[in-house]
Amino acid sequence: MITIKPSHTLVLLPLAALLAACGQQQAQHAGAGGNMPPMPVSVVEMKPADVPVTTEYVAQTSGSREVEVRARVSGILQKRAYTEGAAVKAGELLFQIDQAPYQAAMEQAAAALKLEDAKLIRAQQDYDRVLPLFKENAVSQKDRDDAVAALASAKASVAAARAALKTAQINLDYTRVTAPISGITSAEVRSEGSLVQAGEGSLLTKISQLDPIYVKFSLSDNDVLKNQKLSSEGKLRLPSGNRYTVSLKLPDGSQYGRDGVIDFADRVIDPATGTSAARATFANPQNQLRAGQFVRVELKGAVRVSALVVPQQAVLSTQQGKLVWVVGKDNKVEPRPLQLADTPAANGGFIVENGLKAGDKVIVDNLIKLRPGASVAPQAAKAAASAPAQG
């Protein structure tokens, strides 16, 4: 599910009630002291500019490789050789299964191979003796054929015995259950002394490779289509090759010290959620990130072209929607309904889709004291205009 960076707008009473209250207050002051002087207000002039945009998504970490370690031969689990939850290297011993029956099977296979080797020697000697005699017509064709067949059979028997010995050696080696990858181990599934069986029920533990680590999130199909439309209209400039800069916020709100890269974006939309899967990869040499953490990814690199950005504190939320106060003709105040972009600008302001044009002067303070048609004395707002609006 895509989430957008939360924004803080001033939540007010319904617009009609607000204006009525302000009008009543203004009338009371006018009756007491005559005409009110124009109210001083700070304004920001709307100027088109290229604005970086940042999109934020809920995400979850997972190991870049996650392996289930299983027993490949049956037997008694004699010992666990690793510390649960610790890092292990590929090839490091994890579990030891009783070797005795497999050692005996290998010795038996080795003895069988020696027996077949002896038979091969005898068959080769018979063949070497019969073949010259056959050329001199001293033995029959049958004797020659028997010698040839016996030699071929002996060679095949040796090959079979050698394969059986190799199988016995492999099974013996499998009694040492080693780490297939480097990573972080989980708890043991079977304790020492248990009888383990090769097959589906042979899970012993799991290993997760956390460097690099995957961060998985979902892209809304609606947002993807909207960005494509804005890009085709020339309003949004996407990073070259869609190579976004990816940063990461940890569960405590702090920033992870390394940037990542998007290495996968699914083309298939999940019909149940209307989203497609995406994945970023981050280096994690200190194992600061753990598998299963909920984090937030920020995609940076897109730019809104010639956009108008209204300060956050200037935007009012009413039952009729978002609006701002602007200074109109003769310094008279007028409300201006707005349509804002879903994605905020990188500086925390709001990108305006409709409702304002270049040159409009937007009021950023004394908002709830204003009413339509009121006279004001506008002055340019200070640069640090990020504080909440003053009422």
Protein backbone atom coordinates (compact mmCIF):
# COMPACT_ATOMS: atom_id res chain seq x y z
CA MET A 1 0.00 0.00 0.00
CA ILE A 2 1.39 3.37 -0.98
CA THR A 3 1.44 6.02 1.72
CA ILE A 4 2.18 9.67 1.20
CA LYS A 5 4.27 11.71 3.58
CA PRO A 6 1.82 13.15 6.11
CA SER A 7 1.25 16.89 6.00
CA HIS A 8 -0.04 19.18 8.71
CA THR A 9 -2.68 21.66 7.62
CA LEU A 10 -4.62 23.98 9.82
CA VAL A 11 -7.96 22.34 10.64
CA LEU A 12 -10.64 25.01 11.02
CA LEU A 13 -14.37 25.36 11.48
CA PRO A 14 -16.56 25.05 8.38
CA LEU A 15 -15.90 27.99 6.07
CA ALA A 16 -19.41 29.49 6.36
CA ALA A 17 -19.32 29.58 10.15
CA LEU A 18 -15.76 30.89 10.10
CA LEU A 19 -16.57 33.79 7.81
CA ALA A 20 -19.72 34.63 9.77
CA ALA A 21 -17.82 34.78 13.04
CA CYS A 22 -15.05 36.90 11.56
CA GLY A 23 -17.61 39.24 9.97
CA GLN A 24 -19.41 39.70 13.28
CA GLN A 25 -16.12 40.47 15.03
CA GLN A 26 -15.12 42.98 12.36
CA ALA A 27 -18.52 44.67 12.59
CA GLN A 28 -18.24 45.03 16.37
CA HIS A 29 -14.83 46.69 16.04
CA ALA A 30 -16.07 48.98 13.28
CA GLY A 31 -19.03 50.11 15.37
CA ALA A 32 -16.80 50.94 18.32
CA GLY A 33 -14.00 52.75 16.56
CA GLY A 34 -15.09 53.59 13.04
CA ASN A 35 -13.46 52.18 9.93
CA MET A 36 -10.74 49.63 10.65
CA PRO A 37 -7.31 50.22 9.13
CA PRO A 38 -6.08 47.60 6.66
CA MET A 39 -4.83 44.52 8.47
CA PRO A 40 -1.10 43.83 7.96
CA VAL A 41 -0.52 40.38 6.46
CA SER A 42 2.49 38.50 5.14
CA VAL A 43 2.25 37.19 1.59
CA VAL A 44 4.16 34.83 -0.65
CA GLU A 45 4.12 35.50 -4.39
CA MET A 46 3.59 32.43 -6.54
CA LYS A 47 6.56 31.85 -8.84
CA PRO A 48 6.96 28.77 -11.06
CA ALA A 49 10.02 26.66 -10.25
CA ASP A 50 11.31 23.15 -10.73
CA VAL A 51 10.48 21.37 -7.48
CA PRO A 52 12.01 18.06 -6.30
CA VAL A 53 9.38 15.66 -5.02
CA THR A 54 9.80 12.81 -2.57
CA THR A 55 7.41 9.88 -2.32
CA GLU A 56 7.29 7.73 0.80
CA TYR A 57 6.13 4.11 1.14
CA VAL A 58 5.68 1.64 3.96
CA ALA A 59 8.11 -1.24 3.44
CA GLN A 60 9.47 -4.35 5.11
CA THR A 61 12.97 -5.77 5.16
CA SER A 62 13.91 -9.33 4.27
CA GLY A 63 17.11 -11.26 3.72
CA SER A 64 18.52 -11.12 0.21
CA ARG A 65 18.92 -14.89 0.52
CA GLU A 66 16.87 -16.98 2.92
CA VAL A 67 17.73 -20.67 3.12
CA GLU A 68 16.11 -23.55 4.99
CA VAL A 69 18.77 -25.91 6.32
CA ARG A 70 17.54 -29.52 6.16
CA ALA A 71 18.97 -32.94 6.91
CA ARG A 72 19.84 -34.86 3.73
CA VAL A 73 20.34 -38.20 5.48
CA SER A 74 18.47 -39.84 8.35
CA GLY A 75 19.99 -40.49 11.76
CA ILE A 76 20.40 -39.34 15.34
CA LEU A 77 21.24 -35.62 15.70
CA GLN A 78 24.35 -35.75 17.88
CA LYS A 79 25.16 -32.05 18.36
CA ARG A 80 24.49 -28.46 17.35
CA ALA A 81 27.74 -26.68 16.52
CA TYR A 82 26.55 -23.06 16.14
CA THR A 83 25.11 -20.40 18.45
CA GLU A 84 21.49 -19.65 17.68
CA GLY A 85 21.04 -16.17 16.22
CA ALA A 86 24.75 -15.77 15.48
CA ALA A 87 26.43 -15.12 12.15
CA VAL A 88 27.94 -18.09 10.32
CA LYS A 89 30.13 -18.45 7.25
CA ALA A 90 29.33 -20.61 4.24
CA GLY A 91 30.64 -24.15 4.84
CA GLU A 92 30.68 -23.80 8.64
CA LEU A 93 29.44 -26.85 10.59
CA LEU A 94 25.93 -26.43 11.99
CA PHE A 95 24.83 -29.95 13.02
CA GLN A 96 26.43 -33.38 13.29
CA ILE A 97 24.37 -36.51 12.55
CA ASP A 98 25.57 -39.92 13.76
CA GLN A 99 28.23 -41.06 11.29
CA ALA A 100 28.63 -44.72 12.36
CA PRO A 101 26.16 -46.41 9.99
CA TYR A 102 27.33 -44.30 7.07
CA GLN A 103 30.99 -44.95 7.85
CA ALA A 104 30.25 -48.69 7.85
CA ALA A 105 28.35 -48.40 4.56
CA MET A 106 31.29 -46.61 2.98
CA GLU A 107 33.77 -49.25 4.16
CA GLN A 108 31.50 -51.97 2.80
CA ALA A 109 31.31 -50.16 -0.54
CA ALA A 110 35.10 -49.80 -0.58
CA ALA A 111 35.52 -53.55 0.02
CA ALA A 112 33.02 -54.31 -2.75
CA LEU A 113 35.02 -52.13 -5.11
CA LYS A 114 38.21 -54.04 -4.28
CA LEU A 115 36.43 -57.33 -5.00
CA GLU A 116 35.25 -56.08 -8.37
CA ASP A 117 38.72 -54.78 -9.17
CA ALA A 118 40.08 -58.28 -8.54
CA LYS A 119 37.47 -59.79 -10.84
CA LEU A 120 38.40 -57.24 -13.50
CA ILE A 121 42.06 -58.25 -13.25
CA ARG A 122 41.14 -61.93 -13.72
CA ALA A 123 38.87 -61.14 -16.66
CA GLN A 124 41.59 -59.02 -18.27
CA GLN A 125 44.11 -61.87 -17.87
CA ASP A 126 41.71 -64.39 -19.44
CA TYR A 127 41.05 -62.01 -22.31
CA ASP A 128 44.78 -61.40 -22.88
CA ARG A 129 45.40 -65.16 -22.93
CA VAL A 130 42.49 -66.21 -25.17
CA LEU A 131 42.75 -63.51 -27.83
CA PRO A 132 46.22 -64.64 -29.23
CA LEU A 133 45.10 -68.30 -29.14
CA PHE A 134 41.97 -67.42 -31.09
CA LYS A 135 44.06 -65.73 -33.79
CA GLU A 136 45.99 -69.01 -34.14
CA ASN A 137 42.75 -71.05 -34.22
CA ALA A 138 43.78 -72.71 -30.97
CA VAL A 139 40.48 -71.88 -29.22
CA SER A 140 36.95 -71.67 -30.46
CA GLN A 141 34.90 -68.57 -31.31
CA LYS A 142 32.82 -69.24 -28.19
CA ASP A 143 35.90 -69.12 -25.95
CA ARG A 144 36.87 -65.81 -27.48
CA ASP A 145 33.34 -64.38 -27.06
CA ASP A 146 33.15 -65.54 -23.45
CA ALA A 147 36.43 -63.81 -22.65
CA VAL A 148 35.28 -60.55 -24.29
CA ALA A 149 31.95 -60.63 -22.44
CA ALA A 150 33.57 -61.45 -19.11
CA LEU A 151 35.94 -58.48 -19.46
CA ALA A 152 33.12 -56.08 -20.33
CA SER A 153 31.03 -57.35 -17.42
CA ALA A 154 33.94 -56.97 -15.01
CA LYS A 155 34.53 -53.38 -16.15
CA ALA A 156 30.82 -52.56 -15.64
CA SER A 157 30.87 -54.14 -12.19
CA VAL A 158 33.86 -52.03 -11.22
CA ALA A 159 32.11 -48.87 -12.44
CA ALA A 160 28.99 -49.76 -10.41
CA ALA A 161 31.06 -50.49 -7.31
CA ARG A 162 32.92 -47.20 -7.71
CA ALA A 163 29.59 -45.33 -7.97
CA ALA A 164 28.30 -47.11 -4.87
CA LEU A 165 31.43 -46.05 -2.98
CA LYS A 166 30.94 -42.45 -4.15
CA THR A 167 27.30 -42.54 -2.95
CA ALA A 168 28.39 -43.91 0.41
CA GLN A 169 30.99 -41.14 0.70
CA ILE A 170 28.39 -38.48 -0.14
CA ASN A 171 25.99 -39.85 2.48
CA LEU A 172 28.80 -39.86 5.03
CA ASP A 173 29.62 -36.24 4.18
CA TYR A 174 25.93 -35.30 4.57
CA THR A 175 26.10 -36.29 8.23
CA ARG A 176 27.96 -32.98 8.63
CA VAL A 177 25.25 -30.37 8.05
CA THR A 178 27.06 -27.19 6.99
CA ALA A 179 25.89 -23.65 6.22
CA PRO A 180 25.06 -23.30 2.50
CA ILE A 181 25.45 -19.49 2.68
CA SER A 182 26.88 -16.90 5.01
CA GLY A 183 24.27 -15.18 7.15
CA ILE A 184 22.39 -15.01 10.44
CA THR A 185 21.03 -18.23 11.88
CA SER A 186 17.66 -18.75 13.53
CA ALA A 187 16.75 -21.04 16.42
CA GLU A 188 17.23 -24.79 16.03
CA VAL A 189 14.09 -26.71 15.06
CA ARG A 190 15.28 -30.16 16.23
CA SER A 191 17.26 -30.62 19.43
CA GLU A 192 20.23 -32.89 20.04
CA GLY A 193 19.30 -36.56 20.41
CA SER A 194 16.38 -36.34 18.00
CA LEU A 195 15.95 -38.78 15.14
CA VAL A 196 15.88 -36.77 11.93
CA GLN A 197 14.57 -38.09 8.64
CA ALA A 198 15.69 -36.96 5.20
CA GLY A 199 12.78 -35.34 3.37
CA GLU A 200 10.14 -32.67 3.93
CA GLY A 201 10.20 -32.96 7.71
CA SER A 202 13.97 -32.53 7.99
CA LEU A 203 14.10 -28.77 8.70
CA LEU A 204 16.85 -28.01 11.22
CA THR A 205 17.18 -24.18 11.10
CA LYS A 206 17.11 -21.20 8.74
CA ILE A 207 19.79 -18.78 7.58
CA SER A 208 19.18 -15.24 6.30
CA GLN A 209 21.78 -13.28 4.38
CA LEU A 210 21.40 -9.66 5.52
CA ASP A 211 24.21 -8.00 3.56
CA PRO A 212 22.89 -6.86 1.21
CA ILE A 213 19.34 -6.70 2.53
CA TYR A 214 16.10 -6.38 0.57
CA VAL A 215 13.46 -3.75 1.33
CA LYS A 216 10.11 -4.63 -0.26
CA PHE A 217 7.24 -2.20 -0.86
CA SER A 218 4.22 -1.75 -3.13
CA LEU A 219 3.53 0.79 -5.87
CA SER A 220 -0.04 1.95 -6.43
CA ASP A 221 -1.19 1.46 -10.01
CA ASN A 222 -3.09 4.78 -9.82
CA ASP A 223 0.07 6.64 -8.79
CA VAL A 224 2.13 5.00 -11.52
CA LEU A 225 -0.45 5.97 -14.16
CA LYS A 226 -0.68 9.51 -12.77
CA ASN A 227 3.09 9.94 -12.95
CA GLN A 228 3.12 8.62 -16.51
CA LYS A 229 0.43 11.14 -17.47
CA LEU A 230 2.26 14.05 -15.81
CA SER A 231 5.47 12.98 -17.52
CA SER A 232 3.82 12.82 -20.95
CA GLU A 233 2.40 16.32 -20.35
CA GLY A 234 5.85 17.67 -19.47
CA LYS A 235 4.85 18.46 -15.88
CA LEU A 236 7.00 15.77 -14.27
CA ARG A 237 10.61 14.91 -15.06
CA LEU A 238 11.51 11.39 -13.99
CA PRO A 239 15.10 10.40 -13.17
CA SER A 240 17.10 9.01 -16.05
CA GLY A 241 16.34 5.32 -16.48
CA ASN A 242 13.97 5.53 -13.51
CA ARG A 243 17.04 5.31 -11.27
CA TYR A 244 15.57 6.87 -8.15
CA THR A 245 17.67 7.64 -5.11
CA VAL A 246 16.26 5.45 -2.35
CA SER A 247 16.67 6.40 1.31
CA LEU A 248 15.38 4.59 4.36
CA LYS A 249 13.69 5.66 7.59
CA LEU A 250 14.07 3.29 10.52
CA PRO A 251 11.18 2.40 12.87
CA ASP A 252 12.34 5.04 15.39
CA GLY A 253 12.19 7.77 12.72
CA SER A 254 15.96 8.06 12.27
CA GLN A 255 17.56 7.96 8.83
CA TYR A 256 19.56 4.94 7.72
CA GLY A 257 23.04 6.05 6.72
CA ARG A 258 23.19 4.42 3.29
CA ASP A 259 21.20 4.90 0.10
CA GLY A 260 19.81 1.92 -1.80
CA VAL A 261 18.89 1.11 -5.36
CA ILE A 262 15.70 -0.29 -6.84
CA ASP A 263 16.61 -3.62 -8.43
CA PHE A 264 13.13 -5.00 -9.14
CA ALA A 265 9.71 -3.61 -10.09
CA ASP A 266 7.01 -6.10 -11.00
CA ARG A 267 4.98 -5.50 -14.16
CA VAL A 268 2.06 -7.53 -12.82
CA ILE A 269 -0.67 -5.78 -10.81
CA ASP A 270 -2.16 -7.61 -7.84
CA PRO A 271 -5.93 -7.49 -8.53
CA ALA A 272 -6.72 -7.72 -4.81
CA THR A 273 -4.77 -4.57 -3.86
CA GLY A 274 -4.25 -2.66 -7.12
CA THR A 275 -0.53 -2.50 -6.43
CA SER A 276 2.64 -3.97 -7.90
CA ALA A 277 5.61 -5.24 -5.94
CA ALA A 278 8.91 -3.36 -5.89
CA ARG A 279 12.20 -3.99 -4.14
CA ALA A 280 15.24 -1.96 -3.17
CA THR A 281 18.62 -3.31 -2.11
CA PHE A 282 20.71 -1.75 0.67
CA ALA A 283 24.21 -2.54 1.87
CA ASN A 284 24.07 -3.70 5.50
CA PRO A 285 27.65 -4.50 6.55
CA GLN A 286 27.03 -3.94 10.28
CA ASN A 287 23.73 -5.88 10.29
CA GLN A 288 22.00 -2.75 11.56
CA LEU A 289 18.90 -3.74 9.59
CA ARG A 290 17.19 -6.99 10.53
CA ALA A 291 14.86 -9.14 8.49
CA GLY A 292 11.16 -8.46 9.11
CA GLN A 293 11.48 -4.81 10.19
CA PHE A 294 8.81 -2.34 9.10
CA VAL A 295 10.49 0.75 7.67
CA ARG A 296 9.70 3.57 5.25
CA VAL A 297 11.42 4.09 1.91
CA GLU A 298 11.71 7.50 0.26
CA LEU A 299 12.09 7.74 -3.51
CA LYS A 300 13.91 10.88 -4.64
CA GLY A 301 14.87 12.08 -8.09
CA ALA A 302 11.57 13.12 -9.70
CA VAL A 303 11.03 16.85 -10.38
CA ARG A 304 7.80 18.78 -10.95
CA VAL A 305 8.56 21.17 -13.80
CA SER A 306 7.56 24.85 -13.42
CA ALA A 307 5.37 24.07 -10.43
CA LEU A 308 3.69 26.47 -8.02
CA VAL A 309 4.29 25.62 -4.36
CA VAL A 310 2.07 27.08 -1.65
CA PRO A 311 3.42 27.17 1.93
CA GLN A 312 1.97 24.58 4.23
CA GLN A 313 0.73 27.09 6.81
CA ALA A 314 -1.24 29.04 4.20
CA VAL A 315 -3.60 26.17 3.37
CA LEU A 316 -6.93 25.92 5.18
CA SER A 317 -9.00 22.75 5.40
CA THR A 318 -12.76 23.27 5.21
CA GLN A 319 -15.77 21.11 4.49
CA GLN A 320 -15.62 22.46 0.94
CA GLY A 321 -11.97 21.39 0.53
CA LYS A 322 -8.62 23.15 0.59
CA LEU A 323 -8.34 26.92 0.10
CA VAL A 324 -6.02 29.87 0.61
CA TRP A 325 -6.54 33.59 1.06
CA VAL A 326 -5.07 35.70 -1.74
CA VAL A 327 -4.65 39.45 -2.08
CA GLY A 328 -6.80 40.60 -4.99
CA LYS A 329 -7.53 43.94 -6.65
CA ASP A 330 -7.12 47.02 -4.44
CA ASN A 331 -5.58 44.82 -1.73
CA LYS A 332 -8.90 43.14 -1.05
CA VAL A 333 -8.92 39.60 0.35
CA GLU A 334 -10.55 36.77 -1.55
CA PRO A 335 -10.69 33.00 -0.86
CA ARG A 336 -9.27 30.70 -3.52
CA PRO A 337 -10.21 26.99 -3.58
CA LEU A 338 -7.26 24.72 -4.44
CA GLN A 339 -6.56 21.36 -5.94
CA LEU A 340 -3.29 20.06 -4.52
CA ALA A 341 -0.98 17.29 -5.68
CA ASP A 342 -1.01 14.09 -3.65
CA THR A 343 2.76 14.22 -3.29
CA PRO A 344 4.16 17.13 -1.25
CA ALA A 345 7.19 19.09 -2.34
CA ALA A 346 10.53 18.20 -0.81
CA ASN A 347 10.50 21.40 1.32
CA GLY A 348 7.17 20.50 2.93
CA GLY A 349 4.98 22.84 0.86
CA PHE A 350 2.10 21.78 -1.34
CA ILE A 351 2.30 21.58 -5.12
CA VAL A 352 -0.72 23.32 -6.66
CA GLU A 353 -2.52 21.53 -9.47
CA ASN A 354 -5.33 24.08 -9.92
CA GLY A 355 -6.52 27.28 -8.24
CA LEU A 356 -3.47 29.56 -8.39
CA LYS A 357 -1.40 31.16 -11.11
CA ALA A 358 1.99 32.83 -11.30
CA GLY A 359 1.96 36.22 -9.59
CA ASP A 360 -0.83 35.47 -7.12
CA LYS A 361 -0.05 36.70 -3.60
CA VAL A 362 -0.97 34.10 -0.98
CA ILE A 363 -1.46 35.19 2.63
CA VAL A 364 0.41 33.10 5.18
CA ASP A 365 -0.59 34.63 8.54
CA ASN A 366 -3.63 36.08 10.37
CA LEU A 367 -5.71 33.63 8.38
CA ILE A 368 -8.72 33.21 10.65
CA LYS A 369 -9.10 36.99 11.08
CA LEU A 370 -9.73 37.48 7.37
CA ARG A 371 -13.02 37.73 5.50
CA PRO A 372 -13.83 38.14 1.82
CA GLY A 373 -13.38 41.73 0.67
CA ALA A 374 -11.43 42.86 3.73
CA SER A 375 -8.67 45.41 3.11
CA VAL A 376 -5.17 44.30 3.98
CA ALA A 377 -1.68 45.76 3.94
CA PRO A 378 0.45 43.03 2.34
CA GLN A 379 4.13 42.67 2.97
CA ALA A 380 6.55 40.02 1.79
CA ALA A 381 6.80 37.06 4.15
CA LYS A 382 10.14 36.22 5.70
CA ALA A 383 12.07 33.32 4.18
CA ALA A 384 11.59 31.07 7.24
CA ALA A 385 7.85 30.85 6.77
CA SER A 386 7.39 27.34 7.99
CA ALA A 387 5.82 28.01 11.38
CA PRO A 388 2.12 27.33 11.91
CA ALA A 389 -0.24 30.11 10.90
CA GLN A 390 -1.09 32.62 13.57
CA GLY A 391 -4.72 33.09 14.33
